[in-house]
PDB file of N, CA and C in Angstrom:
ATOM      1  N   UNK A   1     166.725 143.198 -10.936  1.00  0.00           N
ATOM      2  CA  UNK A   1     166.966 142.554 -12.076  1.00  0.00           C
ATOM      3  C   UNK A   1     167.544 141.213 -12.117  1.00  0.00           C
ATOM      4  N   UNK A   2     166.986 140.364 -12.925  1.00  0.00           N
ATOM      5  CA  UNK A   2     167.500 138.973 -12.867  1.00  0.00           C
ATOM      6  C   UNK A   2     168.453 138.689 -14.134  1.00  0.00           C
ATOM      7  N   UNK A   3     169.585 138.007 -13.992  1.00  0.00           N
ATOM      8  CA  UNK A   3     170.450 137.782 -14.989  1.00  0.00           C
ATOM      9  C   UNK A   3     170.735 136.262 -15.306  1.00  0.00           C
ATOM     10  N   UNK A   4     169.755 135.460 -14.658  1.00  0.00           N
ATOM     11  CA  UNK A   4     169.978 133.986 -14.695  1.00  0.00           C
ATOM     12  C   UNK A   4     169.172 133.463 -15.819  1.00  0.00           C
ATOM     13  N   UNK A   5     169.562 132.212 -15.990  1.00  0.00           N
ATOM     14  CA  UNK A   5     168.718 131.325 -17.076  1.00  0.00           C
ATOM     15  C   UNK A   5     167.774 130.608 -16.168  1.00  0.00           C
ATOM     16  N   UNK A   6     166.420 130.187 -16.654  1.00  0.00           N
ATOM     17  CA  UNK A   6     165.737 129.543 -16.001  1.00  0.00           C
ATOM     18  C   UNK A   6     164.531 128.867 -16.928  1.00  0.00           C
ATOM     19  N   UNK A   7     163.707 127.999 -16.323  1.00  0.00           N
ATOM     20  CA  UNK A   7     162.622 127.333 -16.929  1.00  0.00           C
ATOM     21  C   UNK A   7     161.661 127.009 -15.926  1.00  0.00           C
ATOM     22  N   UNK A   8     160.392 126.535 -16.452  1.00  0.00           N
ATOM     23  CA  UNK A   8     159.362 126.149 -15.546  1.00  0.00           C
ATOM     24  C   UNK A   8     159.232 124.659 -15.771  1.00  0.00           C
ATOM     25  N   UNK A   9     158.987 123.781 -14.744  1.00  0.00           N
ATOM     26  CA  UNK A   9     158.721 122.586 -14.940  1.00  0.00           C
ATOM     27  C   UNK A   9     157.487 121.961 -14.178  1.00  0.00           C
ATOM     28  N   UNK A  10     156.752 121.180 -14.795  1.00  0.00           N
ATOM     29  CA  UNK A  10     155.479 120.636 -14.207  1.00  0.00           C
ATOM     30  C   UNK A  10     155.834 119.514 -13.267  1.00  0.00           C
ATOM     31  N   UNK A  11     155.019 119.155 -12.408  1.00  0.00           N
ATOM     32  CA  UNK A  11     155.236 118.144 -11.495  1.00  0.00           C
ATOM     33  C   UNK A  11     155.338 116.730 -12.140  1.00  0.00           C
ATOM     34  N   UNK A  12     154.868 116.578 -13.141  1.00  0.00           N
ATOM     35  CA  UNK A  12     154.864 115.258 -13.780  1.00  0.00           C
ATOM     36  C   UNK A  12     156.155 115.271 -14.766  1.00  0.00           C
ATOM     37  N   UNK A  13     157.035 116.220 -14.746  1.00  0.00           N
ATOM     38  CA  UNK A  13     158.127 116.103 -15.600  1.00  0.00           C
ATOM     39  C   UNK A  13     159.184 115.265 -15.024  1.00  0.00           C
ATOM     40  N   UNK A  14     159.167 115.014 -13.672  1.00  0.00           N
ATOM     41  CA  UNK A  14     160.174 114.166 -13.160  1.00  0.00           C
ATOM     42  C   UNK A  14     159.542 113.369 -12.019  1.00  0.00           C
ATOM     43  N   UNK A  15     160.157 112.118 -11.775  1.00  0.00           N
ATOM     44  CA  UNK A  15     159.604 111.252 -10.592  1.00  0.00           C
ATOM     45  C   UNK A  15     159.836 111.965  -9.262  1.00  0.00           C
ATOM     46  N   UNK A  16     160.894 112.583  -9.022  1.00  0.00           N
ATOM     47  CA  UNK A  16     161.299 113.349  -8.081  1.00  0.00           C
ATOM     48  C   UNK A  16     160.389 114.463  -7.637  1.00  0.00           C
ATOM     49  N   UNK A  17     159.965 115.345  -8.531  1.00  0.00           N
ATOM     50  CA  UNK A  17     158.889 116.186  -8.537  1.00  0.00           C
ATOM     51  C   UNK A  17     157.555 115.796  -8.121  1.00  0.00           C
ATOM     52  N   UNK A  18     157.280 114.745  -8.872  1.00  0.00           N
ATOM     53  CA  UNK A  18     155.932 114.059  -8.557  1.00  0.00           C
ATOM     54  C   UNK A  18     155.697 113.508  -6.993  1.00  0.00           C
ATOM     55  N   UNK A  19     156.895 113.038  -6.589  1.00  0.00           N
ATOM     56  CA  UNK A  19     156.760 112.393  -5.174  1.00  0.00           C
ATOM     57  C   UNK A  19     156.831 113.566  -4.240  1.00  0.00           C
ATOM     58  N   UNK A  20     157.742 114.729  -4.552  1.00  0.00           N
ATOM     59  CA  UNK A  20     157.677 115.989  -3.863  1.00  0.00           C
ATOM     60  C   UNK A  20     156.207 116.577  -3.724  1.00  0.00           C
ATOM     61  N   UNK A  21     155.695 116.585  -4.664  1.00  0.00           N
ATOM     62  CA  UNK A  21     154.245 117.276  -4.915  1.00  0.00           C
ATOM     63  C   UNK A  21     153.369 116.437  -4.096  1.00  0.00           C
ATOM     64  N   UNK A  22     153.468 115.319  -4.132  1.00  0.00           N
ATOM     65  CA  UNK A  22     152.571 114.265  -3.395  1.00  0.00           C
ATOM     66  C   UNK A  22     152.818 114.468  -1.975  1.00  0.00           C
ATOM     67  N   UNK A  23     153.952 114.639  -1.414  1.00  0.00           N
ATOM     68  CA  UNK A  23     154.190 114.809   0.043  1.00  0.00           C
ATOM     69  C   UNK A  23     153.668 116.305   0.375  1.00  0.00           C
ATOM     70  N   UNK A  24     153.898 117.288  -0.356  1.00  0.00           N
ATOM     71  CA  UNK A  24     153.292 118.570  -0.076  1.00  0.00           C
ATOM     72  C   UNK A  24     151.687 118.412  -0.043  1.00  0.00           C
ATOM     73  N   UNK A  25     151.063 117.929  -0.947  1.00  0.00           N
ATOM     74  CA  UNK A  25     149.733 117.719  -0.996  1.00  0.00           C
ATOM     75  C   UNK A  25     149.261 116.866   0.133  1.00  0.00           C
ATOM     76  N   UNK A  26     149.781 115.917   0.661  1.00  0.00           N
ATOM     77  CA  UNK A  26     149.490 115.272   1.789  1.00  0.00           C
ATOM     78  C   UNK A  26     149.576 115.989   3.017  1.00  0.00           C
ATOM     79  N   UNK A  27     150.652 116.881   3.190  1.00  0.00           N
ATOM     80  CA  UNK A  27     150.785 117.783   4.414  1.00  0.00           C
ATOM     81  C   UNK A  27     149.675 118.776   4.461  1.00  0.00           C
ATOM     82  N   UNK A  28     149.488 119.410   3.210  1.00  0.00           N
ATOM     83  CA  UNK A  28     148.743 120.672   3.285  1.00  0.00           C
ATOM     84  C   UNK A  28     147.156 120.427   2.865  1.00  0.00           C
ATOM     85  N   UNK A  29     146.817 119.193   2.597  1.00  0.00           N
ATOM     86  CA  UNK A  29     145.705 118.828   2.184  1.00  0.00           C
ATOM     87  C   UNK A  29     145.022 119.499   1.064  1.00  0.00           C
ATOM     88  N   UNK A  30     145.963 119.900   0.149  1.00  0.00           N
ATOM     89  CA  UNK A  30     145.632 120.598  -1.079  1.00  0.00           C
ATOM     90  C   UNK A  30     146.031 119.886  -2.329  1.00  0.00           C
ATOM     91  N   UNK A  31     145.147 119.433  -3.176  1.00  0.00           N
ATOM     92  CA  UNK A  31     145.638 118.493  -4.397  1.00  0.00           C
ATOM     93  C   UNK A  31     146.702 118.933  -5.093  1.00  0.00           C
ATOM     94  N   UNK A  32     147.465 118.136  -5.686  1.00  0.00           N
ATOM     95  CA  UNK A  32     148.614 118.495  -6.595  1.00  0.00           C
ATOM     96  C   UNK A  32     148.174 119.364  -7.639  1.00  0.00           C
ATOM     97  N   UNK A  33     147.071 119.078  -8.299  1.00  0.00           N
ATOM     98  CA  UNK A  33     146.740 119.831  -9.414  1.00  0.00           C
ATOM     99  C   UNK A  33     146.441 121.310  -9.301  1.00  0.00           C
ATOM    100  N   UNK A  34     146.269 121.833  -7.767  1.00  0.00           N
ATOM    101  CA  UNK A  34     146.153 123.083  -7.574  1.00  0.00           C
ATOM    102  C   UNK A  34     147.488 123.836  -7.480  1.00  0.00           C
ATOM    103  N   UNK A  35     148.630 123.048  -7.635  1.00  0.00           N
ATOM    104  CA  UNK A  35     149.844 123.787  -7.381  1.00  0.00           C
ATOM    105  C   UNK A  35     150.395 124.474  -8.656  1.00  0.00           C
ATOM    106  N   UNK A  36     151.387 125.213  -8.625  1.00  0.00           N
ATOM    107  CA  UNK A  36     151.909 126.045  -9.792  1.00  0.00           C
ATOM    108  C   UNK A  36     153.190 125.195 -10.264  1.00  0.00           C
ATOM    109  N   UNK A  37     153.656 125.605 -11.484  1.00  0.00           N
ATOM    110  CA  UNK A  37     154.816 125.023 -11.971  1.00  0.00           C
ATOM    111  C   UNK A  37     155.998 125.337 -11.093  1.00  0.00           C
ATOM    112  N   UNK A  38     157.072 124.537 -11.151  1.00  0.00           N
ATOM    113  CA  UNK A  38     158.321 124.758 -10.559  1.00  0.00           C
ATOM    114  C   UNK A  38     159.158 125.721 -11.278  1.00  0.00           C
ATOM    115  N   UNK A  39     159.600 126.834 -10.743  1.00  0.00           N
ATOM    116  CA  UNK A  39     160.567 127.707 -11.469  1.00  0.00           C
ATOM    117  C   UNK A  39     162.063 127.483 -10.869  1.00  0.00           C
ATOM    118  N   UNK A  40     162.713 126.967 -11.889  1.00  0.00           N
ATOM    119  CA  UNK A  40     164.184 126.515 -11.704  1.00  0.00           C
ATOM    120  C   UNK A  40     165.121 127.519 -12.242  1.00  0.00           C
ATOM    121  N   UNK A  41     165.901 128.132 -11.590  1.00  0.00           N
ATOM    122  CA  UNK A  41     166.884 129.161 -12.059  1.00  0.00           C
ATOM    123  C   UNK A  41     168.329 128.611 -11.979  1.00  0.00           C
ATOM    124  N   UNK A  42     169.114 129.071 -12.804  1.00  0.00           N
ATOM    125  CA  UNK A  42     170.463 128.716 -12.896  1.00  0.00           C
ATOM    126  C   UNK A  42     171.302 130.037 -12.686  1.00  0.00           C
ATOM    127  N   UNK A  43     172.244 130.344 -11.845  1.00  0.00           N
ATOM    128  CA  UNK A  43     172.939 131.466 -12.030  1.00  0.00           C
ATOM    129  C   UNK A  43     174.338 131.181 -12.159  1.00  0.00           C
ATOM    130  N   UNK A  44     175.061 131.732 -13.029  1.00  0.00           N
ATOM    131  CA  UNK A  44     176.549 131.629 -13.275  1.00  0.00           C
ATOM    132  C   UNK A  44     177.180 132.462 -12.233  1.00  0.00           C
ATOM    133  N   UNK A  45     178.606 132.283 -12.125  1.00  0.00           N
ATOM    134  CA  UNK A  45     179.263 133.129 -11.104  1.00  0.00           C
ATOM    135  C   UNK A  45     179.088 134.542 -11.177  1.00  0.00           C
ATOM    136  N   UNK A  46     178.864 135.120 -12.315  1.00  0.00           N
ATOM    137  CA  UNK A  46     178.839 136.541 -12.513  1.00  0.00           C
ATOM    138  C   UNK A  46     177.290 137.096 -12.380  1.00  0.00           C
ATOM    139  N   UNK A  47     176.298 136.181 -12.484  1.00  0.00           N
ATOM    140  CA  UNK A  47     175.042 136.571 -12.564  1.00  0.00           C
ATOM    141  C   UNK A  47     174.383 136.855 -11.142  1.00  0.00           C
ATOM    142  N   UNK A  48     173.417 137.485 -11.142  1.00  0.00           N
ATOM    143  CA  UNK A  48     172.858 137.844  -9.906  1.00  0.00           C
ATOM    144  C   UNK A  48     171.292 138.212  -9.908  1.00  0.00           C
ATOM    145  N   UNK A  49     170.626 138.387  -8.769  1.00  0.00           N
ATOM    146  CA  UNK A  49     169.272 138.794  -8.508  1.00  0.00           C
ATOM    147  C   UNK A  49     169.133 140.069  -7.779  1.00  0.00           C
ATOM    148  N   UNK A  50     168.811 141.164  -8.135  1.00  0.00           N
ATOM    149  CA  UNK A  50     168.480 142.382  -7.284  1.00  0.00           C
ATOM    150  C   UNK A  50     167.167 142.198  -6.775  1.00  0.00           C
ATOM    151  N   UNK A  51     167.116 142.512  -5.499  1.00  0.00           N
ATOM    152  CA  UNK A  51     165.827 142.528  -4.798  1.00  0.00           C
ATOM    153  C   UNK A  51     165.024 143.821  -5.419  1.00  0.00           C
ATOM    154  N   UNK A  52     163.700 143.827  -5.639  1.00  0.00           N
ATOM    155  CA  UNK A  52     162.924 144.951  -6.078  1.00  0.00           C
ATOM    156  C   UNK A  52     161.531 144.799  -5.549  1.00  0.00           C
ATOM    157  N   UNK A  53     160.755 145.771  -5.741  1.00  0.00           N
ATOM    158  CA  UNK A  53     159.398 145.750  -5.354  1.00  0.00           C
ATOM    159  C   UNK A  53     158.464 145.989  -6.484  1.00  0.00           C
ATOM    160  N   UNK A  54     157.465 145.098  -6.813  1.00  0.00           N
ATOM    161  CA  UNK A  54     156.701 145.285  -7.807  1.00  0.00           C
ATOM    162  C   UNK A  54     155.580 146.127  -7.207  1.00  0.00           C
ATOM    163  N   UNK A  55     155.487 147.399  -7.785  1.00  0.00           N
ATOM    164  CA  UNK A  55     154.424 148.207  -7.037  1.00  0.00           C
ATOM    165  C   UNK A  55     153.959 149.171  -8.059  1.00  0.00           C
ATOM    166  N   UNK A  56     152.983 149.944  -7.735  1.00  0.00           N
ATOM    167  CA  UNK A  56     152.452 151.000  -8.482  1.00  0.00           C
ATOM    168  C   UNK A  56     152.107 152.241  -7.580  1.00  0.00           C
ATOM    169  N   UNK A  57     152.007 153.541  -8.158  1.00  0.00           N
ATOM    170  CA  UNK A  57     151.547 154.608  -7.262  1.00  0.00           C
ATOM    171  C   UNK A  57     150.124 154.440  -7.094  1.00  0.00           C
ATOM    172  N   UNK A  58     149.559 154.367  -5.833  1.00  0.00           N
ATOM    173  CA  UNK A  58     148.038 154.101  -5.514  1.00  0.00           C
ATOM    174  C   UNK A  58     147.398 155.340  -5.979  1.00  0.00           C
ATOM    175  N   UNK A  59     148.041 156.639  -6.051  1.00  0.00           N
ATOM    176  CA  UNK A  59     147.261 157.773  -6.534  1.00  0.00           C
ATOM    177  C   UNK A  59     147.372 157.917  -8.060  1.00  0.00           C
ATOM    178  N   UNK A  60     148.110 157.043  -8.663  1.00  0.00           N
ATOM    179  CA  UNK A  60     148.065 157.015 -10.074  1.00  0.00           C
ATOM    180  C   UNK A  60     146.998 156.234 -10.844  1.00  0.00           C
ATOM    181  N   UNK A  61     146.854 156.130 -12.154  1.00  0.00           N
ATOM    182  CA  UNK A  61     145.843 155.351 -12.899  1.00  0.00           C
ATOM    183  C   UNK A  61     145.297 154.008 -12.252  1.00  0.00           C
ATOM    184  N   UNK A  62     146.395 153.297 -11.957  1.00  0.00           N
ATOM    185  CA  UNK A  62     146.003 151.910 -11.600  1.00  0.00           C
ATOM    186  C   UNK A  62     145.319 151.949 -10.345  1.00  0.00           C
ATOM    187  N   UNK A  63     145.978 152.787  -9.474  1.00  0.00           N
ATOM    188  CA  UNK A  63     145.272 153.053  -8.029  1.00  0.00           C
ATOM    189  C   UNK A  63     143.845 153.351  -8.165  1.00  0.00           C
ATOM    190  N   UNK A  64     143.611 154.383  -9.124  1.00  0.00           N
ATOM    191  CA  UNK A  64     142.192 154.729  -9.269  1.00  0.00           C
ATOM    192  C   UNK A  64     141.374 153.700  -9.993  1.00  0.00           C
ATOM    193  N   UNK A  65     141.807 152.912 -10.849  1.00  0.00           N
ATOM    194  CA  UNK A  65     141.042 152.069 -11.325  1.00  0.00           C
ATOM    195  C   UNK A  65     140.631 150.760 -10.185  1.00  0.00           C
ATOM    196  N   UNK A  66     141.596 150.656  -9.398  1.00  0.00           N
ATOM    197  CA  UNK A  66     141.286 149.506  -8.342  1.00  0.00           C
ATOM    198  C   UNK A  66     140.298 149.980  -7.495  1.00  0.00           C
ATOM    199  N   UNK A  67     140.111 151.304  -7.050  1.00  0.00           N
ATOM    200  CA  UNK A  67     139.194 151.758  -6.218  1.00  0.00           C
ATOM    201  C   UNK A  67     137.625 151.491  -6.872  1.00  0.00           C
ATOM    202  N   UNK A  68     137.689 151.655  -8.195  1.00  0.00           N
ATOM    203  CA  UNK A  68     136.382 151.585  -9.015  1.00  0.00           C
ATOM    204  C   UNK A  68     135.784 150.109  -9.007  1.00  0.00           C
ATOM    205  N   UNK A  69     136.703 149.101  -8.688  1.00  0.00           N
ATOM    206  CA  UNK A  69     136.376 147.773  -8.900  1.00  0.00           C
ATOM    207  C   UNK A  69     135.801 147.303  -7.737  1.00  0.00           C
TER     208      UNK A  69
END
């Protein structure tokens, strides 16, 4: 569970992010346009993030549906 506040920023929202995305694109040879938005989080002293696993039961309905695809 996450108790932080956050937002998503596009690479064009800041000259620093534009510069950083350009550097990443040059090193990876992947265009900036293929990147995702930046997820920026702010945690206050009492806020936290508990690790968790996003999963489902492979024998349940979702698992059965995946096998049919």
